[in-house]
C-alpha atoms as a PDB file:
ATOM      1  CA  UNK A   1       0.000   0.000   0.000  1.00  0.00           C
ATOM      2  CA  UNK A   2       1.437   3.356  -1.020  1.00  0.00           C
ATOM      3  CA  UNK A   3       1.665   6.358   1.315  1.00  0.00           C
ATOM      4  CA  UNK A   4      -1.321   8.145  -0.297  1.00  0.00           C
ATOM      5  CA  UNK A   5      -3.571   5.114   0.206  1.00  0.00           C
ATOM      6  CA  UNK A   6      -2.396   4.709   3.822  1.00  0.00           C
ATOM      7  CA  UNK A   7      -3.123   8.361   4.539  1.00  0.00           C
ATOM      8  CA  UNK A   8      -6.628   8.189   3.002  1.00  0.00           C
ATOM      9  CA  UNK A   9      -7.366   4.967   4.857  1.00  0.00           C
ATOM     10  CA  UNK A  10      -6.377   6.675   8.130  1.00  0.00           C
ATOM     11  CA  UNK A  11      -9.060   9.278   7.329  1.00  0.00           C
ATOM     12  CA  UNK A  12     -11.612   6.533   6.743  1.00  0.00           C
ATOM     13  CA  UNK A  13     -11.647   7.075   2.961  1.00  0.00           C
ATOM     14  CA  UNK A  14     -10.762   4.202   0.592  1.00  0.00           C
ATOM     15  CA  UNK A  15      -7.904   5.355  -1.624  1.00  0.00           C
ATOM     16  CA  UNK A  16      -9.578   4.511  -4.908  1.00  0.00           C
ATOM     17  CA  UNK A  17     -13.191   5.414  -4.002  1.00  0.00           C
ATOM     18  CA  UNK A  18     -14.669   8.431  -5.875  1.00  0.00           C
ATOM     19  CA  UNK A  19     -18.330   9.516  -5.473  1.00  0.00           C
ATOM     20  CA  UNK A  20     -20.134   9.638  -8.832  1.00  0.00           C
ATOM     21  CA  UNK A  21     -22.626  12.343  -7.889  1.00  0.00           C
ATOM     22  CA  UNK A  22     -20.133  14.911  -6.625  1.00  0.00           C
ATOM     23  CA  UNK A  23     -16.949  14.515  -8.687  1.00  0.00           C
ATOM     24  CA  UNK A  24     -15.780  18.039  -7.989  1.00  0.00           C
ATOM     25  CA  UNK A  25     -15.895  17.516  -4.211  1.00  0.00           C
ATOM     26  CA  UNK A  26     -14.145  14.170  -4.500  1.00  0.00           C
ATOM     27  CA  UNK A  27     -11.406  15.633  -6.645  1.00  0.00           C
ATOM     28  CA  UNK A  28     -10.966  18.485  -4.167  1.00  0.00           C
ATOM     29  CA  UNK A  29     -10.657  15.997  -1.289  1.00  0.00           C
ATOM     30  CA  UNK A  30      -8.091  13.937  -3.166  1.00  0.00           C
ATOM     31  CA  UNK A  31      -6.183  17.079  -4.139  1.00  0.00           C
ATOM     32  CA  UNK A  32      -6.163  18.218  -0.524  1.00  0.00           C
ATOM     33  CA  UNK A  33      -4.947  14.828   0.632  1.00  0.00           C
ATOM     34  CA  UNK A  34      -2.180  15.003  -1.978  1.00  0.00           C
ATOM     35  CA  UNK A  35      -0.983  18.327  -0.592  1.00  0.00           C
ATOM     36  CA  UNK A  36      -1.055  16.986   2.973  1.00  0.00           C
ATOM     37  CA  UNK A  37       0.887  13.851   2.051  1.00  0.00           C
ATOM     38  CA  UNK A  38       3.469  15.931   0.190  1.00  0.00           C
ATOM     39  CA  UNK A  39       3.771  18.215   3.210  1.00  0.00           C
ATOM     40  CA  UNK A  40       4.228  15.253   5.545  1.00  0.00           C
ATOM     41  CA  UNK A  41       6.960  13.867   3.304  1.00  0.00           C
ATOM     42  CA  UNK A  42       8.714  17.246   3.264  1.00  0.00           C
ATOM     43  CA  UNK A  43       8.572  17.425   7.064  1.00  0.00           C
ATOM     44  CA  UNK A  44      10.002  13.929   7.388  1.00  0.00           C
ATOM     45  CA  UNK A  45      12.847  14.791   5.026  1.00  0.00           C
ATOM     46  CA  UNK A  46      13.611  17.913   7.051  1.00  0.00           C
ATOM     47  CA  UNK A  47      13.512  15.928  10.296  1.00  0.00           C
ATOM     48  CA  UNK A  48      15.877  13.345   8.824  1.00  0.00           C
ATOM     49  CA  UNK A  49      18.360  16.076   7.867  1.00  0.00           C
ATOM     50  CA  UNK A  50      18.071  17.671  11.290  1.00  0.00           C
ATOM     51  CA  UNK A  51      18.642  14.312  12.992  1.00  0.00           C
ATOM     52  CA  UNK A  52      21.756  13.801  10.899  1.00  0.00           C
ATOM     53  CA  UNK A  53      23.058  17.265  11.892  1.00  0.00           C
ATOM     54  CA  UNK A  54      22.374  16.535  15.551  1.00  0.00           C
ATOM     55  CA  UNK A  55      24.121  13.168  15.307  1.00  0.00           C
ATOM     56  CA  UNK A  56      27.227  14.827  13.831  1.00  0.00           C
ATOM     57  CA  UNK A  57      27.103  17.531  16.508  1.00  0.00           C
ATOM     58  CA  UNK A  58      26.882  14.913  19.274  1.00  0.00           C
ATOM     59  CA  UNK A  59      29.928  13.109  17.873  1.00  0.00           C
ATOM     60  CA  UNK A  60      31.841  16.378  17.961  1.00  0.00           C
ATOM     61  CA  UNK A  61      30.479  17.308  21.398  1.00  0.00           C
ATOM     62  CA  UNK A  62      29.254  20.589  19.876  1.00  0.00           C
ATOM     63  CA  UNK A  63      25.851  22.292  19.684  1.00  0.00           C
ATOM     64  CA  UNK A  64      23.896  21.337  16.523  1.00  0.00           C
ATOM     65  CA  UNK A  65      23.635  24.984  15.457  1.00  0.00           C
ATOM     66  CA  UNK A  66      27.079  26.513  14.875  1.00  0.00           C
ATOM     67  CA  UNK A  67      27.378  30.297  14.667  1.00  0.00           C
ATOM     68  CA  UNK A  68      29.032  31.210  11.387  1.00  0.00           C
ATOM     69  CA  UNK A  69      30.885  34.260  12.680  1.00  0.00           C
ATOM     70  CA  UNK A  70      32.432  34.270  16.153  1.00  0.00           C
ATOM     71  CA  UNK A  71      34.921  36.625  17.783  1.00  0.00           C
ATOM     72  CA  UNK A  72      38.502  35.480  17.626  1.00  0.00           C
ATOM     73  CA  UNK A  73      40.117  34.228  20.799  1.00  0.00           C
ATOM     74  CA  UNK A  74      42.688  36.848  21.803  1.00  0.00           C
ATOM     75  CA  UNK A  75      45.614  34.449  21.705  1.00  0.00           C
ATOM     76  CA  UNK A  76      47.756  33.418  18.764  1.00  0.00           C
ATOM     77  CA  UNK A  77      48.019  29.893  17.511  1.00  0.00           C
ATOM     78  CA  UNK A  78      51.549  28.525  17.793  1.00  0.00           C
ATOM     79  CA  UNK A  79      53.560  28.647  14.604  1.00  0.00           C
ATOM     80  CA  UNK A  80      53.568  25.193  13.067  1.00  0.00           C
ATOM     81  CA  UNK A  81      56.015  24.520  10.259  1.00  0.00           C
ATOM     82  CA  UNK A  82      56.067  20.735  10.534  1.00  0.00           C
ATOM     83  CA  UNK A  83      52.851  19.095   9.347  1.00  0.00           C
ATOM     84  CA  UNK A  84      53.949  15.767  10.772  1.00  0.00           C
ATOM     85  CA  UNK A  85      54.410  17.289  14.211  1.00  0.00           C
ATOM     86  CA  UNK A  86      50.915  18.733  14.405  1.00  0.00           C
ATOM     87  CA  UNK A  87      49.443  15.528  12.982  1.00  0.00           C
ATOM     88  CA  UNK A  88      51.196  13.634  15.751  1.00  0.00           C
ATOM     89  CA  UNK A  89      49.918  16.117  18.315  1.00  0.00           C
ATOM     90  CA  UNK A  90      46.322  15.785  17.174  1.00  0.00           C
ATOM     91  CA  UNK A  91      46.573  12.005  17.084  1.00  0.00           C
ATOM     92  CA  UNK A  92      48.429  11.629  20.368  1.00  0.00           C
ATOM     93  CA  UNK A  93      46.907  14.290  22.610  1.00  0.00           C
ATOM     94  CA  UNK A  94      45.696  13.287  26.045  1.00  0.00           C
ATOM     95  CA  UNK A  95      41.970  13.680  25.371  1.00  0.00           C
ATOM     96  CA  UNK A  96      39.782  10.971  23.805  1.00  0.00           C
ATOM     97  CA  UNK A  97      38.278  11.193  20.340  1.00  0.00           C
ATOM     98  CA  UNK A  98      34.911  12.988  20.238  1.00  0.00           C
ATOM     99  CA  UNK A  99      33.156   9.823  19.060  1.00  0.00           C
ATOM    100  CA  UNK A 100      34.301   7.788  22.060  1.00  0.00           C
ATOM    101  CA  UNK A 101      31.775   6.421  24.509  1.00  0.00           C
ATOM    102  CA  UNK A 102      30.967   8.566  27.546  1.00  0.00           C
ATOM    103  CA  UNK A 103      32.779   7.972  30.794  1.00  0.00           C
ATOM    104  CA  UNK A 104      30.883   5.760  33.195  1.00  0.00           C
ATOM    105  CA  UNK A 105      31.575   6.718  36.832  1.00  0.00           C
ATOM    106  CA  UNK A 106      33.273   3.925  38.711  1.00  0.00           C
ATOM    107  CA  UNK A 107      31.058   2.120  41.175  1.00  0.00           C
ATOM    108  CA  UNK A 108      33.265  -0.403  42.930  1.00  0.00           C
ATOM    109  CA  UNK A 109      33.323  -2.066  46.283  1.00  0.00           C
ATOM    110  CA  UNK A 110      36.366  -0.927  48.191  1.00  0.00           C
ATOM    111  CA  UNK A 111      38.545  -3.348  50.093  1.00  0.00           C
ATOM    112  CA  UNK A 112      40.289  -2.672  53.401  1.00  0.00           C
ATOM    113  CA  UNK A 113      43.601  -2.440  51.551  1.00  0.00           C
ATOM    114  CA  UNK A 114      42.203   0.116  49.092  1.00  0.00           C
ATOM    115  CA  UNK A 115      40.672   2.110  51.913  1.00  0.00           C
ATOM    116  CA  UNK A 116      43.990   2.113  53.781  1.00  0.00           C
ATOM    117  CA  UNK A 117      45.803   3.240  50.606  1.00  0.00           C
ATOM    118  CA  UNK A 118      43.400   6.135  50.050  1.00  0.00           C
ATOM    119  CA  UNK A 119      43.673   7.187  53.692  1.00  0.00           C
ATOM    120  CA  UNK A 120      47.477   7.125  53.452  1.00  0.00           C
ATOM    121  CA  UNK A 121      47.491   9.201  50.246  1.00  0.00           C
ATOM    122  CA  UNK A 122      45.084  11.715  51.780  1.00  0.00           C
ATOM    123  CA  UNK A 123      47.646  12.419  54.522  1.00  0.00           C
ATOM    124  CA  UNK A 124      50.713  12.810  52.293  1.00  0.00           C
ATOM    125  CA  UNK A 125      52.709  16.028  51.959  1.00  0.00           C
ATOM    126  CA  UNK A 126      54.047  17.113  48.567  1.00  0.00           C
ATOM    127  CA  UNK A 127      57.408  15.234  48.622  1.00  0.00           C
ATOM    128  CA  UNK A 128      55.842  11.984  49.807  1.00  0.00           C
ATOM    129  CA  UNK A 129      52.975  12.314  47.320  1.00  0.00           C
ATOM    130  CA  UNK A 130      55.390  12.823  44.420  1.00  0.00           C
ATOM    131  CA  UNK A 131      57.471   9.821  45.468  1.00  0.00           C
ATOM    132  CA  UNK A 132      54.347   7.687  45.807  1.00  0.00           C
ATOM    133  CA  UNK A 133      53.242   8.547  42.270  1.00  0.00           C
ATOM    134  CA  UNK A 134      56.714   7.864  40.866  1.00  0.00           C
ATOM    135  CA  UNK A 135      56.709   4.391  42.381  1.00  0.00           C
ATOM    136  CA  UNK A 136      53.025   3.547  41.920  1.00  0.00           C
ATOM    137  CA  UNK A 137      52.166   0.046  40.635  1.00  0.00           C
ATOM    138  CA  UNK A 138      48.456   0.068  41.517  1.00  0.00           C
ATOM    139  CA  UNK A 139      47.352  -0.616  37.927  1.00  0.00           C
ATOM    140  CA  UNK A 140      48.824  -2.089  34.766  1.00  0.00           C
ATOM    141  CA  UNK A 141      49.796   1.263  33.271  1.00  0.00           C
ATOM    142  CA  UNK A 142      53.014   1.202  35.269  1.00  0.00           C
ATOM    143  CA  UNK A 143      54.438  -1.520  33.017  1.00  0.00           C
ATOM    144  CA  UNK A 144      54.453   0.593  29.866  1.00  0.00           C
ATOM    145  CA  UNK A 145      55.351   4.061  31.090  1.00  0.00           C
ATOM    146  CA  UNK A 146      58.584   5.925  30.495  1.00  0.00           C
ATOM    147  CA  UNK A 147      57.875   8.526  33.176  1.00  0.00           C
ATOM    148  CA  UNK A 148      55.035   9.292  35.508  1.00  0.00           C
ATOM    149  CA  UNK A 149      53.540  12.750  34.977  1.00  0.00           C
ATOM    150  CA  UNK A 150      52.914  14.140  38.423  1.00  0.00           C
ATOM    151  CA  UNK A 151      52.076  17.753  37.606  1.00  0.00           C
ATOM    152  CA  UNK A 152      53.741  21.115  37.171  1.00  0.00           C
ATOM    153  CA  UNK A 153      53.344  24.657  38.463  1.00  0.00           C
ATOM    154  CA  UNK A 154      52.811  26.696  41.577  1.00  0.00           C
ATOM    155  CA  UNK A 155      51.794  24.474  44.488  1.00  0.00           C
ATOM    156  CA  UNK A 156      50.050  27.454  46.081  1.00  0.00           C
ATOM    157  CA  UNK A 157      48.283  28.557  42.897  1.00  0.00           C
ATOM    158  CA  UNK A 158      44.735  29.908  42.903  1.00  0.00           C
ATOM    159  CA  UNK A 159      44.147  28.364  39.469  1.00  0.00           C
ATOM    160  CA  UNK A 160      44.332  24.629  38.739  1.00  0.00           C
ATOM    161  CA  UNK A 161      44.012  22.981  35.323  1.00  0.00           C
ATOM    162  CA  UNK A 162      43.143  19.298  34.988  1.00  0.00           C
ATOM    163  CA  UNK A 163      43.567  17.206  31.832  1.00  0.00           C
ATOM    164  CA  UNK A 164      42.949  13.549  31.146  1.00  0.00           C
ATOM    165  CA  UNK A 165      46.185  11.571  30.887  1.00  0.00           C
ATOM    166  CA  UNK A 166      49.720  11.891  29.534  1.00  0.00           C
ATOM    167  CA  UNK A 167      50.258  11.525  25.806  1.00  0.00           C
ATOM    168  CA  UNK A 168      53.415  10.325  24.112  1.00  0.00           C
ATOM    169  CA  UNK A 169      55.348  13.575  24.533  1.00  0.00           C
ATOM    170  CA  UNK A 170      54.215  13.945  28.145  1.00  0.00           C
ATOM    171  CA  UNK A 171      55.325  10.384  28.906  1.00  0.00           C
ATOM    172  CA  UNK A 172      58.761  11.112  27.437  1.00  0.00           C
ATOM    173  CA  UNK A 173      59.249  14.432  29.231  1.00  0.00           C
ATOM    174  CA  UNK A 174      57.384  13.724  32.477  1.00  0.00           C
ATOM    175  CA  UNK A 175      55.402  16.984  32.233  1.00  0.00           C
ATOM    176  CA  UNK A 176      51.751  17.597  31.314  1.00  0.00           C
ATOM    177  CA  UNK A 177      50.696  19.470  28.187  1.00  0.00           C
ATOM    178  CA  UNK A 178      53.832  19.746  26.066  1.00  0.00           C
ATOM    179  CA  UNK A 179      54.148  19.925  22.288  1.00  0.00           C
ATOM    180  CA  UNK A 180      51.852  22.060  20.144  1.00  0.00           C
ATOM    181  CA  UNK A 181      48.865  21.575  22.463  1.00  0.00           C
ATOM    182  CA  UNK A 182      51.025  22.748  25.352  1.00  0.00           C
ATOM    183  CA  UNK A 183      52.116  25.850  23.431  1.00  0.00           C
ATOM    184  CA  UNK A 184      48.503  26.749  22.731  1.00  0.00           C
ATOM    185  CA  UNK A 185      47.628  26.208  26.392  1.00  0.00           C
ATOM    186  CA  UNK A 186      50.488  28.483  27.440  1.00  0.00           C
ATOM    187  CA  UNK A 187      49.161  31.182  25.094  1.00  0.00           C
ATOM    188  CA  UNK A 188      45.674  30.792  26.535  1.00  0.00           C
ATOM    189  CA  UNK A 189      47.054  31.151  30.053  1.00  0.00           C
ATOM    190  CA  UNK A 190      49.140  34.180  29.057  1.00  0.00           C
ATOM    191  CA  UNK A 191      45.972  35.919  27.843  1.00  0.00           C
ATOM    192  CA  UNK A 192      44.723  35.658  31.433  1.00  0.00           C
ATOM    193  CA  UNK A 193      48.006  36.768  32.964  1.00  0.00           C
ATOM    194  CA  UNK A 194      48.844  33.217  34.047  1.00  0.00           C
ATOM    195  CA  UNK A 195      51.837  30.953  33.478  1.00  0.00           C
ATOM    196  CA  UNK A 196      52.489  27.351  34.394  1.00  0.00           C
ATOM    197  CA  UNK A 197      55.655  28.209  36.316  1.00  0.00           C
ATOM    198  CA  UNK A 198      54.238  30.820  38.692  1.00  0.00           C
ATOM    199  CA  UNK A 199      50.474  31.148  39.356  1.00  0.00           C
ATOM    200  CA  UNK A 200      48.768  28.043  37.991  1.00  0.00           C
ATOM    201  CA  UNK A 201      49.103  24.309  38.649  1.00  0.00           C
ATOM    202  CA  UNK A 202      48.534  21.725  35.896  1.00  0.00           C
ATOM    203  CA  UNK A 203      47.813  18.047  36.491  1.00  0.00           C
ATOM    204  CA  UNK A 204      46.042  15.097  34.887  1.00  0.00           C
ATOM    205  CA  UNK A 205      43.443  12.610  36.054  1.00  0.00           C
ATOM    206  CA  UNK A 206      45.929   9.819  35.268  1.00  0.00           C
ATOM    207  CA  UNK A 207      49.641  10.004  36.016  1.00  0.00           C
ATOM    208  CA  UNK A 208      50.693   7.340  33.470  1.00  0.00           C
ATOM    209  CA  UNK A 209      50.120   7.162  29.724  1.00  0.00           C
ATOM    210  CA  UNK A 210      47.536   4.622  28.527  1.00  0.00           C
ATOM    211  CA  UNK A 211      48.956   2.468  25.709  1.00  0.00           C
ATOM    212  CA  UNK A 212      48.326   4.009  22.308  1.00  0.00           C
ATOM    213  CA  UNK A 213      46.680   6.977  24.030  1.00  0.00           C
ATOM    214  CA  UNK A 214      43.496   4.951  24.448  1.00  0.00           C
ATOM    215  CA  UNK A 215      40.781   6.042  26.844  1.00  0.00           C
ATOM    216  CA  UNK A 216      41.602   5.311  30.480  1.00  0.00           C
ATOM    217  CA  UNK A 217      39.814   2.341  32.013  1.00  0.00           C
ATOM    218  CA  UNK A 218      37.466   2.980  34.969  1.00  0.00           C
ATOM    219  CA  UNK A 219      39.698   1.024  37.345  1.00  0.00           C
ATOM    220  CA  UNK A 220      42.739   3.033  36.246  1.00  0.00           C
ATOM    221  CA  UNK A 221      40.860   6.242  37.017  1.00  0.00           C
ATOM    222  CA  UNK A 222      39.819   4.834  40.384  1.00  0.00           C
ATOM    223  CA  UNK A 223      43.406   3.977  41.334  1.00  0.00           C
ATOM    224  CA  UNK A 224      44.759   7.397  40.320  1.00  0.00           C
ATOM    225  CA  UNK A 225      41.936   9.558  41.634  1.00  0.00           C
ATOM    226  CA  UNK A 226      43.268   9.674  45.238  1.00  0.00           C
ATOM    227  CA  UNK A 227      46.456  11.329  43.939  1.00  0.00           C
ATOM    228  CA  UNK A 228      44.576  14.062  42.092  1.00  0.00           C
ATOM    229  CA  UNK A 229      42.230  14.508  45.031  1.00  0.00           C
ATOM    230  CA  UNK A 230      45.211  15.031  47.339  1.00  0.00           C
ATOM    231  CA  UNK A 231      46.833  17.496  44.925  1.00  0.00           C
ATOM    232  CA  UNK A 232      43.633  19.538  44.879  1.00  0.00           C
ATOM    233  CA  UNK A 233      43.391  19.401  48.676  1.00  0.00           C
ATOM    234  CA  UNK A 234      46.990  20.612  49.062  1.00  0.00           C
ATOM    235  CA  UNK A 235      46.670  23.425  46.522  1.00  0.00           C
ATOM    236  CA  UNK A 236      43.196  24.612  47.589  1.00  0.00           C
ATOM    237  CA  UNK A 237      42.627  26.458  44.287  1.00  0.00           C
ATOM    238  CA  UNK A 238      39.912  29.059  43.935  1.00  0.00           C
ATOM    239  CA  UNK A 239      38.893  27.623  40.560  1.00  0.00           C
ATOM    240  CA  UNK A 240      39.533  24.426  38.611  1.00  0.00           C
ATOM    241  CA  UNK A 241      39.478  24.489  34.804  1.00  0.00           C
ATOM    242  CA  UNK A 242      38.907  21.026  33.330  1.00  0.00           C
ATOM    243  CA  UNK A 243      40.266  20.470  29.821  1.00  0.00           C
ATOM    244  CA  UNK A 244      38.443  18.018  27.580  1.00  0.00           C
ATOM    245  CA  UNK A 245      35.478  15.694  27.673  1.00  0.00           C
ATOM    246  CA  UNK A 246      37.049  12.731  29.436  1.00  0.00           C
ATOM    247  CA  UNK A 247      38.633  14.772  32.213  1.00  0.00           C
ATOM    248  CA  UNK A 248      35.363  16.629  32.773  1.00  0.00           C
ATOM    249  CA  UNK A 249      33.269  13.478  32.888  1.00  0.00           C
ATOM    250  CA  UNK A 250      35.775  11.763  35.180  1.00  0.00           C
ATOM    251  CA  UNK A 251      36.122  14.627  37.639  1.00  0.00           C
ATOM    252  CA  UNK A 252      32.406  15.433  37.741  1.00  0.00           C
ATOM    253  CA  UNK A 253      31.291  11.783  37.539  1.00  0.00           C
ATOM    254  CA  UNK A 254      28.988  12.582  34.658  1.00  0.00           C
ATOM    255  CA  UNK A 255      28.115  11.197  31.227  1.00  0.00           C
ATOM    256  CA  UNK A 256      26.921  14.596  29.965  1.00  0.00           C
ATOM    257  CA  UNK A 257      28.609  15.725  26.700  1.00  0.00           C
ATOM    258  CA  UNK A 258      31.141  18.512  27.051  1.00  0.00           C
ATOM    259  CA  UNK A 259      28.984  20.857  24.988  1.00  0.00           C
ATOM    260  CA  UNK A 260      26.376  20.758  27.738  1.00  0.00           C
ATOM    261  CA  UNK A 261      28.888  20.867  30.614  1.00  0.00           C
ATOM    262  CA  UNK A 262      30.335  24.120  29.290  1.00  0.00           C
ATOM    263  CA  UNK A 263      28.921  27.461  30.382  1.00  0.00           C
ATOM    264  CA  UNK A 264      27.951  26.241  33.856  1.00  0.00           C
ATOM    265  CA  UNK A 265      29.917  26.425  37.087  1.00  0.00           C
ATOM    266  CA  UNK A 266      30.191  22.956  38.622  1.00  0.00           C
ATOM    267  CA  UNK A 267      31.759  21.862  41.904  1.00  0.00           C
ATOM    268  CA  UNK A 268      34.391  19.352  43.021  1.00  0.00           C
ATOM    269  CA  UNK A 269      35.025  18.948  46.729  1.00  0.00           C
ATOM    270  CA  UNK A 270      33.440  22.386  47.217  1.00  0.00           C
ATOM    271  CA  UNK A 271      35.711  24.073  44.630  1.00  0.00           C
ATOM    272  CA  UNK A 272      34.161  25.766  41.552  1.00  0.00           C
ATOM    273  CA  UNK A 273      34.827  23.915  38.292  1.00  0.00           C
ATOM    274  CA  UNK A 274      34.638  25.323  34.752  1.00  0.00           C
ATOM    275  CA  UNK A 275      34.752  22.963  31.766  1.00  0.00           C
ATOM    276  CA  UNK A 276      36.326  23.806  28.408  1.00  0.00           C
ATOM    277  CA  UNK A 277      37.763  22.106  25.336  1.00  0.00           C
ATOM    278  CA  UNK A 278      41.134  20.423  25.235  1.00  0.00           C
ATOM    279  CA  UNK A 279      43.859  22.520  23.529  1.00  0.00           C
ATOM    280  CA  UNK A 280      44.632  19.748  21.033  1.00  0.00           C
ATOM    281  CA  UNK A 281      40.977  19.707  19.995  1.00  0.00           C
ATOM    282  CA  UNK A 282      41.217  23.454  19.388  1.00  0.00           C
ATOM    283  CA  UNK A 283      44.222  22.917  17.108  1.00  0.00           C
ATOM    284  CA  UNK A 284      41.951  21.189  14.616  1.00  0.00           C
ATOM    285  CA  UNK A 285      38.681  22.991  15.394  1.00  0.00           C
ATOM    286  CA  UNK A 286      39.526  26.666  15.186  1.00  0.00           C
ATOM    287  CA  UNK A 287      35.880  27.768  15.294  1.00  0.00           C
ATOM    288  CA  UNK A 288      35.682  26.658  18.925  1.00  0.00           C
ATOM    289  CA  UNK A 289      38.546  28.910  20.055  1.00  0.00           C
ATOM    290  CA  UNK A 290      36.001  31.644  20.732  1.00  0.00           C
ATOM    291  CA  UNK A 291      33.975  29.259  22.907  1.00  0.00           C
ATOM    292  CA  UNK A 292      37.114  28.257  24.798  1.00  0.00           C
ATOM    293  CA  UNK A 293      37.871  31.930  25.433  1.00  0.00           C
ATOM    294  CA  UNK A 294      34.331  32.381  26.790  1.00  0.00           C
ATOM    295  CA  UNK A 295      34.995  29.485  29.171  1.00  0.00           C
ATOM    296  CA  UNK A 296      38.226  31.053  30.390  1.00  0.00           C
ATOM    297  CA  UNK A 297      36.472  34.370  30.928  1.00  0.00           C
ATOM    298  CA  UNK A 298      33.852  32.551  32.997  1.00  0.00           C
ATOM    299  CA  UNK A 299      36.633  30.943  35.031  1.00  0.00           C
ATOM    300  CA  UNK A 300      38.203  34.369  35.590  1.00  0.00           C
ATOM    301  CA  UNK A 301      34.867  35.712  36.839  1.00  0.00           C
ATOM    302  CA  UNK A 302      34.559  32.763  39.224  1.00  0.00           C
ATOM    303  CA  UNK A 303      38.138  33.257  40.443  1.00  0.00           C
ATOM    304  CA  UNK A 304      37.624  36.971  41.033  1.00  0.00           C
ATOM    305  CA  UNK A 305      34.357  36.342  42.840  1.00  0.00           C
ATOM    306  CA  UNK A 306      35.977  33.720  45.070  1.00  0.00           C
ATOM    307  CA  UNK A 307      38.754  36.204  45.830  1.00  0.00           C
ATOM    308  CA  UNK A 308      36.330  38.829  47.051  1.00  0.00           C
ATOM    309  CA  UNK A 309      34.597  36.298  49.279  1.00  0.00           C
ATOM    310  CA  UNK A 310      37.842  35.076  50.867  1.00  0.00           C
END
């Protein structure tokens, strides 16, 4: 049965029935039904296109409607003369691909040994905490690392930045956010009057690189989380800026896409949290630099407000 016949049948009118006494009325009814069917088909085609746009937007963790003209972020992109280097950066950065599955918060039953470990980490001072990370064998990531990536910056900073996990360059150098993504992050910080060596602290959810820069496993996040939690407790920042989808979902224990986490002030252990895109994502998606700048401006407002309340 074709669509026209199905539509007429739904109205209680056989598709092929035409009254003999009133042909003009019958023809008008059929003509009207034709217009309605055509309209319905047009609506369905439009809905199909819209669904496709939304699906693409969800994969990119972006809103479905993208503004064509946005203000430029007031920082310069790093000069890149080596195409292979930036390709490696985009492929190996420490945030997952936009199409990856959302992070599922870890719900595990703790053991007495795990509880004792978390209690011990929660009491560590900076030197002991750093040594504990360097010698950690709590998960399988320890077997493939070159260096642990503890963190870098001012241990009394009012700003703290949190990424996902070390990439290849970070694993080699033992420092978070190096390479082209790190240069862009440094430029972003400079636009706010910040620098990693004096008034901001940068760390990752994981301290070891996952093989092939894959997404961290829930148990790996669970084993490393006490270290990050202790770093945050020692620093006592006024604002935390989370970089990238995976880090945001891990820290906030959420499966919400980053596009919806942005623009809202969240909380971790009572500290305000602002979510933005990962610098390596911005290297290949220049249109979102303006959105990232909006996020940093929101973080600055939160920081300034926290300062006045202190």
